[in-house]
Amino acid sequence: MFEIGFEEKSFKGEPVETCGKLRTVTLDNGTNVELLPILFSTFTRRGTSPLDVRRRRHNYKVPNALAKEYALYYEKTLGENWTEKYATNMISSLTGRLFIAAWARDENGNEFPIGFSAGNTQPYNDGTKLCNTEVFVLPTYQKFGVGTELVYAMLYEAKRCGVTNFEGLTYDMDNKNHPIGWWESIGAKRVDLIPIEGNIDEMIKIMEEKKLKKVN
């Protein structure tokens, strides 16, 4: 089961809803890093302390922090010609939608974003769909389940907003587990041009069952 709770607190001690729990991982270079609980919202009012967790990890900080690695990753894996400027603009355009970011903390206490998930909601004849989705995790952190948590948090939040179905585009690559194989493993299905779609309730159920099996 994915942890949905109030792992974090605001500067005034008020609970902040999160997905996942604080955990420490060791990177390939031997460095220990804390993976922080994902915040469902970074909305704050004027006058909120800069020390508040929602301001420290606000979504507006994500594009500039991840753009360079985003551009390099897609140039290396897909041969797409991205510049850091274009990547910044693209990620910035997503932050006004359903946008969830994952953050980490280094041994010196510095917090920094390591990935995000985002999507639009759109009415269709069979209900409201979560579409135009984007998921990215820094390569260094791709083996720790960060992407899975980001997708779960995105689906969970979409469901609370009344969204019933999922639709997206992904890539058919040689690696079975990335990315089309992974999406299919949680209930998404291929259609023309490799769009992927699925029922959000079913996808959440499958992800929770897979998580429970790993725990047991």
C-alpha atoms as a PDB file:
ATOM      1  CA  MET A   1       0.000   0.000   0.000  1.00  0.00           C
ATOM      2  CA  PHE A   2       1.232   3.503  -0.830  1.00  0.00           C
ATOM      3  CA  GLU A   3       1.483   5.760   2.192  1.00  0.00           C
ATOM      4  CA  ILE A   4      -1.077   8.583   2.019  1.00  0.00           C
ATOM      5  CA  GLY A   5      -0.949  10.677   5.142  1.00  0.00           C
ATOM      6  CA  PHE A   6       0.476  13.781   6.782  1.00  0.00           C
ATOM      7  CA  GLU A   7       4.181  13.012   6.969  1.00  0.00           C
ATOM      8  CA  GLU A   8       5.127  16.697   6.694  1.00  0.00           C
ATOM      9  CA  LYS A   9       4.068  19.759   8.677  1.00  0.00           C
ATOM     10  CA  SER A  10       3.773  23.428   7.782  1.00  0.00           C
ATOM     11  CA  PHE A  11       5.852  26.081   9.526  1.00  0.00           C
ATOM     12  CA  LYS A  12       2.993  26.557  12.009  1.00  0.00           C
ATOM     13  CA  GLY A  13       2.787  22.839  12.681  1.00  0.00           C
ATOM     14  CA  GLU A  14      -0.290  22.192  10.546  1.00  0.00           C
ATOM     15  CA  PRO A  15      -0.285  18.810   8.764  1.00  0.00           C
ATOM     16  CA  VAL A  16       0.502  18.772   5.036  1.00  0.00           C
ATOM     17  CA  GLU A  17      -0.888  15.867   3.026  1.00  0.00           C
ATOM     18  CA  THR A  18       1.743  13.631   1.433  1.00  0.00           C
ATOM     19  CA  CYS A  19       2.305  10.445  -0.549  1.00  0.00           C
ATOM     20  CA  GLY A  20       5.134   8.138   0.522  1.00  0.00           C
ATOM     21  CA  LYS A  21       7.393   8.168   3.551  1.00  0.00           C
ATOM     22  CA  LEU A  22      10.812   9.608   4.266  1.00  0.00           C
ATOM     23  CA  ARG A  23      13.517   7.078   3.380  1.00  0.00           C
ATOM     24  CA  THR A  24      17.274   7.048   2.881  1.00  0.00           C
ATOM     25  CA  VAL A  25      18.873   5.562  -0.238  1.00  0.00           C
ATOM     26  CA  THR A  26      22.473   5.103  -1.343  1.00  0.00           C
ATOM     27  CA  LEU A  27      23.366   6.386  -4.808  1.00  0.00           C
ATOM     28  CA  ASP A  28      25.828   4.676  -7.157  1.00  0.00           C
ATOM     29  CA  ASN A  29      28.584   7.044  -5.998  1.00  0.00           C
ATOM     30  CA  GLY A  30      28.077   5.942  -2.395  1.00  0.00           C
ATOM     31  CA  THR A  31      26.323   9.118  -1.275  1.00  0.00           C
ATOM     32  CA  ASN A  32      23.354   8.773   1.074  1.00  0.00           C
ATOM     33  CA  VAL A  33      20.319  10.853   0.161  1.00  0.00           C
ATOM     34  CA  GLU A  34      16.904  11.171   1.785  1.00  0.00           C
ATOM     35  CA  LEU A  35      13.900  10.794  -0.500  1.00  0.00           C
ATOM     36  CA  LEU A  36      11.216  13.096   0.877  1.00  0.00           C
ATOM     37  CA  PRO A  37       7.451  12.485   1.046  1.00  0.00           C
ATOM     38  CA  ILE A  38       5.668  13.878  -2.009  1.00  0.00           C
ATOM     39  CA  LEU A  39       3.512  16.939  -1.310  1.00  0.00           C
ATOM     40  CA  PHE A  40       0.066  16.939  -2.893  1.00  0.00           C
ATOM     41  CA  SER A  41      -0.058  20.729  -2.820  1.00  0.00           C
ATOM     42  CA  THR A  42       2.475  23.549  -2.558  1.00  0.00           C
ATOM     43  CA  PHE A  43      -0.192  26.252  -2.408  1.00  0.00           C
ATOM     44  CA  THR A  44       0.606  28.962   0.152  1.00  0.00           C
ATOM     45  CA  ARG A  45      -0.889  32.303   1.082  1.00  0.00           C
ATOM     46  CA  ARG A  46       0.904  35.623   1.110  1.00  0.00           C
ATOM     47  CA  GLY A  47       3.085  35.944   4.165  1.00  0.00           C
ATOM     48  CA  THR A  48       3.797  32.226   4.519  1.00  0.00           C
ATOM     49  CA  SER A  49       7.233  31.684   6.020  1.00  0.00           C
ATOM     50  CA  PRO A  50      10.052  30.763   3.596  1.00  0.00           C
ATOM     51  CA  LEU A  51      10.786  27.919   6.016  1.00  0.00           C
ATOM     52  CA  ASP A  52       7.380  26.336   5.368  1.00  0.00           C
ATOM     53  CA  VAL A  53       7.775  22.994   3.615  1.00  0.00           C
ATOM     54  CA  ARG A  54       5.350  24.096   0.888  1.00  0.00           C
ATOM     55  CA  ARG A  55       7.497  27.119   0.021  1.00  0.00           C
ATOM     56  CA  ARG A  56      10.793  25.247   0.315  1.00  0.00           C
ATOM     57  CA  ARG A  57       9.546  22.663  -2.182  1.00  0.00           C
ATOM     58  CA  HIS A  58       7.285  24.852  -4.290  1.00  0.00           C
ATOM     59  CA  ASN A  59       6.546  23.750  -7.853  1.00  0.00           C
ATOM     60  CA  TYR A  60       7.911  26.956  -9.383  1.00  0.00           C
ATOM     61  CA  LYS A  61      11.431  25.841  -8.397  1.00  0.00           C
ATOM     62  CA  VAL A  62      11.225  22.615 -10.384  1.00  0.00           C
ATOM     63  CA  PRO A  63      11.636  23.720 -14.056  1.00  0.00           C
ATOM     64  CA  ASN A  64      14.998  25.458 -13.711  1.00  0.00           C
ATOM     65  CA  ALA A  65      16.334  22.701 -11.466  1.00  0.00           C
ATOM     66  CA  LEU A  66      15.480  19.820 -13.816  1.00  0.00           C
ATOM     67  CA  ALA A  67      15.620  21.360 -17.305  1.00  0.00           C
ATOM     68  CA  LYS A  68      19.276  20.609 -18.080  1.00  0.00           C
ATOM     69  CA  GLU A  69      19.035  16.936 -17.084  1.00  0.00           C
ATOM     70  CA  TYR A  70      15.682  16.624 -18.879  1.00  0.00           C
ATOM     71  CA  ALA A  71      17.200  17.918 -22.120  1.00  0.00           C
ATOM     72  CA  LEU A  72      20.250  15.641 -21.837  1.00  0.00           C
ATOM     73  CA  TYR A  73      18.163  12.576 -21.001  1.00  0.00           C
ATOM     74  CA  TYR A  74      15.838  12.835 -23.992  1.00  0.00           C
ATOM     75  CA  GLU A  75      18.689  13.673 -26.337  1.00  0.00           C
ATOM     76  CA  LYS A  76      20.546  10.559 -25.152  1.00  0.00           C
ATOM     77  CA  THR A  77      17.625   8.121 -25.061  1.00  0.00           C
ATOM     78  CA  LEU A  78      15.466   9.322 -27.987  1.00  0.00           C
ATOM     79  CA  GLY A  79      17.729  11.584 -30.006  1.00  0.00           C
ATOM     80  CA  GLU A  80      15.440  14.568 -29.451  1.00  0.00           C
ATOM     81  CA  ASN A  81      17.091  17.960 -29.830  1.00  0.00           C
ATOM     82  CA  TRP A  82      16.262  19.806 -26.600  1.00  0.00           C
ATOM     83  CA  THR A  83      17.931  22.934 -25.268  1.00  0.00           C
ATOM     84  CA  GLU A  84      17.899  23.799 -21.588  1.00  0.00           C
ATOM     85  CA  LYS A  85      15.787  26.875 -22.391  1.00  0.00           C
ATOM     86  CA  TYR A  86      13.143  24.862 -24.248  1.00  0.00           C
ATOM     87  CA  ALA A  87      13.088  22.251 -21.507  1.00  0.00           C
ATOM     88  CA  THR A  88      12.599  24.968 -18.875  1.00  0.00           C
ATOM     89  CA  ASN A  89       9.716  26.476 -20.836  1.00  0.00           C
ATOM     90  CA  MET A  90       8.104  23.080 -21.383  1.00  0.00           C
ATOM     91  CA  ILE A  91       8.256  22.045 -17.717  1.00  0.00           C
ATOM     92  CA  SER A  92       7.082  25.514 -16.646  1.00  0.00           C
ATOM     93  CA  SER A  93       4.021  25.115 -18.871  1.00  0.00           C
ATOM     94  CA  LEU A  94       3.084  21.976 -16.921  1.00  0.00           C
ATOM     95  CA  THR A  95       3.130  23.528 -13.450  1.00  0.00           C
ATOM     96  CA  GLY A  96      -0.257  25.180 -13.936  1.00  0.00           C
ATOM     97  CA  ARG A  97      -1.859  21.772 -14.437  1.00  0.00           C
ATOM     98  CA  LEU A  98      -2.126  18.820 -12.080  1.00  0.00           C
ATOM     99  CA  PHE A  99       1.562  18.896 -11.134  1.00  0.00           C
ATOM    100  CA  ILE A 100       3.322  16.730  -8.519  1.00  0.00           C
ATOM    101  CA  ALA A 101       7.037  16.968  -7.712  1.00  0.00           C
ATOM    102  CA  ALA A 102       9.427  14.630  -5.906  1.00  0.00           C
ATOM    103  CA  TRP A 103      12.222  16.063  -3.775  1.00  0.00           C
ATOM    104  CA  ALA A 104      15.327  14.750  -2.043  1.00  0.00           C
ATOM    105  CA  ARG A 105      17.670  16.046   0.687  1.00  0.00           C
ATOM    106  CA  ASP A 106      21.443  15.615   0.709  1.00  0.00           C
ATOM    107  CA  GLU A 107      23.752  15.027   3.662  1.00  0.00           C
ATOM    108  CA  ASN A 108      24.165  18.797   4.129  1.00  0.00           C
ATOM    109  CA  GLY A 109      20.428  19.353   4.472  1.00  0.00           C
ATOM    110  CA  ASN A 110      19.968  20.853   0.993  1.00  0.00           C
ATOM    111  CA  GLU A 111      16.625  20.005  -0.631  1.00  0.00           C
ATOM    112  CA  PHE A 112      16.283  19.666  -4.418  1.00  0.00           C
ATOM    113  CA  PRO A 113      13.707  18.307  -6.918  1.00  0.00           C
ATOM    114  CA  ILE A 114      14.402  14.960  -8.582  1.00  0.00           C
ATOM    115  CA  GLY A 115      11.296  14.419 -10.710  1.00  0.00           C
ATOM    116  CA  PHE A 116       7.705  15.302 -11.488  1.00  0.00           C
ATOM    117  CA  SER A 117       4.415  14.037 -12.895  1.00  0.00           C
ATOM    118  CA  ALA A 118       1.805  16.233 -14.549  1.00  0.00           C
ATOM    119  CA  GLY A 119      -1.392  16.040 -16.572  1.00  0.00           C
ATOM    120  CA  ASN A 120      -4.481  17.849 -17.864  1.00  0.00           C
ATOM    121  CA  THR A 121      -8.087  16.931 -17.141  1.00  0.00           C
ATOM    122  CA  GLN A 122     -10.546  16.959 -20.018  1.00  0.00           C
ATOM    123  CA  PRO A 123     -14.216  15.945 -20.345  1.00  0.00           C
ATOM    124  CA  TYR A 124     -14.939  13.050 -22.720  1.00  0.00           C
ATOM    125  CA  ASN A 125     -18.042  11.049 -23.628  1.00  0.00           C
ATOM    126  CA  ASP A 126     -17.077   8.350 -21.102  1.00  0.00           C
ATOM    127  CA  GLY A 127     -16.206  10.718 -18.262  1.00  0.00           C
ATOM    128  CA  THR A 128     -13.370  13.068 -17.412  1.00  0.00           C
ATOM    129  CA  LYS A 129      -9.927  11.897 -18.540  1.00  0.00           C
ATOM    130  CA  LEU A 130      -6.450  12.595 -17.236  1.00  0.00           C
ATOM    131  CA  CYS A 131      -4.530  13.291 -20.447  1.00  0.00           C
ATOM    132  CA  ASN A 132      -1.388  14.922 -21.871  1.00  0.00           C
ATOM    133  CA  THR A 133       0.559  13.386 -19.021  1.00  0.00           C
ATOM    134  CA  GLU A 134       4.290  13.776 -18.465  1.00  0.00           C
ATOM    135  CA  VAL A 135       6.502  11.874 -16.027  1.00  0.00           C
ATOM    136  CA  PHE A 136      10.228  12.451 -15.523  1.00  0.00           C
ATOM    137  CA  VAL A 137      12.734  11.330 -12.892  1.00  0.00           C
ATOM    138  CA  LEU A 138      16.419  12.184 -12.872  1.00  0.00           C
ATOM    139  CA  PRO A 139      18.369   9.114 -14.111  1.00  0.00           C
ATOM    140  CA  THR A 140      20.304   8.893 -10.829  1.00  0.00           C
ATOM    141  CA  TYR A 141      17.046   8.316  -8.935  1.00  0.00           C
ATOM    142  CA  GLN A 142      15.187   6.077 -11.395  1.00  0.00           C
ATOM    143  CA  LYS A 143      15.745   2.818  -9.531  1.00  0.00           C
ATOM    144  CA  PHE A 144      14.224   3.789  -6.183  1.00  0.00           C
ATOM    145  CA  GLY A 145      10.509   3.766  -7.046  1.00  0.00           C
ATOM    146  CA  VAL A 146      10.258   7.551  -7.339  1.00  0.00           C
ATOM    147  CA  GLY A 147       8.478   7.404 -10.701  1.00  0.00           C
ATOM    148  CA  THR A 148       5.981   4.874  -9.374  1.00  0.00           C
ATOM    149  CA  GLU A 149       5.144   7.122  -6.419  1.00  0.00           C
ATOM    150  CA  LEU A 150       4.786  10.149  -8.705  1.00  0.00           C
ATOM    151  CA  VAL A 151       2.373   8.314 -10.993  1.00  0.00           C
ATOM    152  CA  TYR A 152       0.371   6.986  -8.053  1.00  0.00           C
ATOM    153  CA  ALA A 153       0.149  10.457  -6.488  1.00  0.00           C
ATOM    154  CA  MET A 154      -0.984  11.919  -9.827  1.00  0.00           C
ATOM    155  CA  LEU A 155      -3.685   9.247 -10.283  1.00  0.00           C
ATOM    156  CA  TYR A 156      -4.785   9.562  -6.664  1.00  0.00           C
ATOM    157  CA  GLU A 157      -5.162  13.342  -6.897  1.00  0.00           C
ATOM    158  CA  ALA A 158      -6.936  13.073 -10.258  1.00  0.00           C
ATOM    159  CA  LYS A 159      -9.430  10.607  -8.797  1.00  0.00           C
ATOM    160  CA  ARG A 160     -10.226  13.028  -5.968  1.00  0.00           C
ATOM    161  CA  CYS A 161     -10.996  15.643  -8.635  1.00  0.00           C
ATOM    162  CA  GLY A 162     -13.576  13.334 -10.205  1.00  0.00           C
ATOM    163  CA  VAL A 163     -11.380  12.001 -13.015  1.00  0.00           C
ATOM    164  CA  THR A 164     -12.204   8.418 -14.028  1.00  0.00           C
ATOM    165  CA  ASN A 165      -9.908   7.542 -16.942  1.00  0.00           C
ATOM    166  CA  PHE A 166      -6.293   7.954 -17.988  1.00  0.00           C
ATOM    167  CA  GLU A 167      -4.816   8.599 -21.419  1.00  0.00           C
ATOM    168  CA  GLY A 168      -1.234   9.287 -22.449  1.00  0.00           C
ATOM    169  CA  LEU A 169       1.526   8.837 -25.008  1.00  0.00           C
ATOM    170  CA  THR A 170       4.731   6.943 -24.330  1.00  0.00           C
ATOM    171  CA  TYR A 171       7.605   5.249 -26.163  1.00  0.00           C
ATOM    172  CA  ASP A 172       8.218   1.670 -27.259  1.00  0.00           C
ATOM    173  CA  MET A 173      11.846   1.068 -26.293  1.00  0.00           C
ATOM    174  CA  ASP A 174      14.091  -2.005 -26.145  1.00  0.00           C
ATOM    175  CA  ASN A 175      14.073  -2.044 -22.344  1.00  0.00           C
ATOM    176  CA  LYS A 176      10.965  -4.065 -21.430  1.00  0.00           C
ATOM    177  CA  ASN A 177      10.427  -2.189 -18.170  1.00  0.00           C
ATOM    178  CA  HIS A 178      10.764   1.326 -19.611  1.00  0.00           C
ATOM    179  CA  PRO A 179       8.539   2.864 -20.475  1.00  0.00           C
ATOM    180  CA  ILE A 180       5.669   1.102 -22.302  1.00  0.00           C
ATOM    181  CA  GLY A 181       6.261  -2.179 -20.456  1.00  0.00           C
ATOM    182  CA  TRP A 182       5.962  -0.427 -17.095  1.00  0.00           C
ATOM    183  CA  TRP A 183       2.708   1.325 -18.034  1.00  0.00           C
ATOM    184  CA  GLU A 184       1.220  -1.949 -19.251  1.00  0.00           C
ATOM    185  CA  SER A 185       2.205  -3.591 -15.966  1.00  0.00           C
ATOM    186  CA  ILE A 186      -0.146  -1.257 -14.060  1.00  0.00           C
ATOM    187  CA  GLY A 187      -3.135  -1.673 -16.340  1.00  0.00           C
ATOM    188  CA  ALA A 188      -2.622   0.813 -19.187  1.00  0.00           C
ATOM    189  CA  LYS A 189      -3.326  -0.492 -22.709  1.00  0.00           C
ATOM    190  CA  ARG A 190      -1.868   0.273 -26.133  1.00  0.00           C
ATOM    191  CA  VAL A 191      -3.986   1.885 -28.831  1.00  0.00           C
ATOM    192  CA  ASP A 192      -2.977   3.548 -32.133  1.00  0.00           C
ATOM    193  CA  LEU A 193       0.262   5.626 -32.049  1.00  0.00           C
ATOM    194  CA  ILE A 194       1.007   3.959 -28.703  1.00  0.00           C
ATOM    195  CA  PRO A 195      -1.359   6.068 -26.666  1.00  0.00           C
ATOM    196  CA  ILE A 196      -1.954   4.386 -23.324  1.00  0.00           C
ATOM    197  CA  GLU A 197      -5.183   4.458 -21.390  1.00  0.00           C
ATOM    198  CA  GLY A 198      -6.727   2.804 -18.388  1.00  0.00           C
ATOM    199  CA  ASN A 199      -9.293   3.016 -15.616  1.00  0.00           C
ATOM    200  CA  ILE A 200      -7.860   4.979 -12.695  1.00  0.00           C
ATOM    201  CA  ASP A 201      -9.506   2.785 -10.040  1.00  0.00           C
ATOM    202  CA  GLU A 202      -8.008  -0.336 -11.640  1.00  0.00           C
ATOM    203  CA  MET A 203      -4.568   1.247 -12.027  1.00  0.00           C
ATOM    204  CA  ILE A 204      -4.508   2.387  -8.392  1.00  0.00           C
ATOM    205  CA  LYS A 205      -5.628  -1.081  -7.275  1.00  0.00           C
ATOM    206  CA  ILE A 206      -2.890  -2.812  -9.300  1.00  0.00           C
ATOM    207  CA  MET A 207      -0.209  -0.427  -8.014  1.00  0.00           C
ATOM    208  CA  GLU A 208      -1.309  -1.000  -4.415  1.00  0.00           C
ATOM    209  CA  GLU A 209      -1.317  -4.783  -4.913  1.00  0.00           C
ATOM    210  CA  LYS A 210       2.155  -4.727  -6.472  1.00  0.00           C
ATOM    211  CA  LYS A 211       3.412  -2.547  -3.610  1.00  0.00           C
ATOM    212  CA  LEU A 212       1.868  -4.910  -1.025  1.00  0.00           C
ATOM    213  CA  LYS A 213       3.541  -7.929  -2.659  1.00  0.00           C
ATOM    214  CA  LYS A 214       6.947  -6.218  -2.430  1.00  0.00           C
ATOM    215  CA  VAL A 215       6.396  -5.458   1.260  1.00  0.00           C
ATOM    216  CA  ASN A 216       5.408  -9.047   1.988  1.00  0.00           C
END
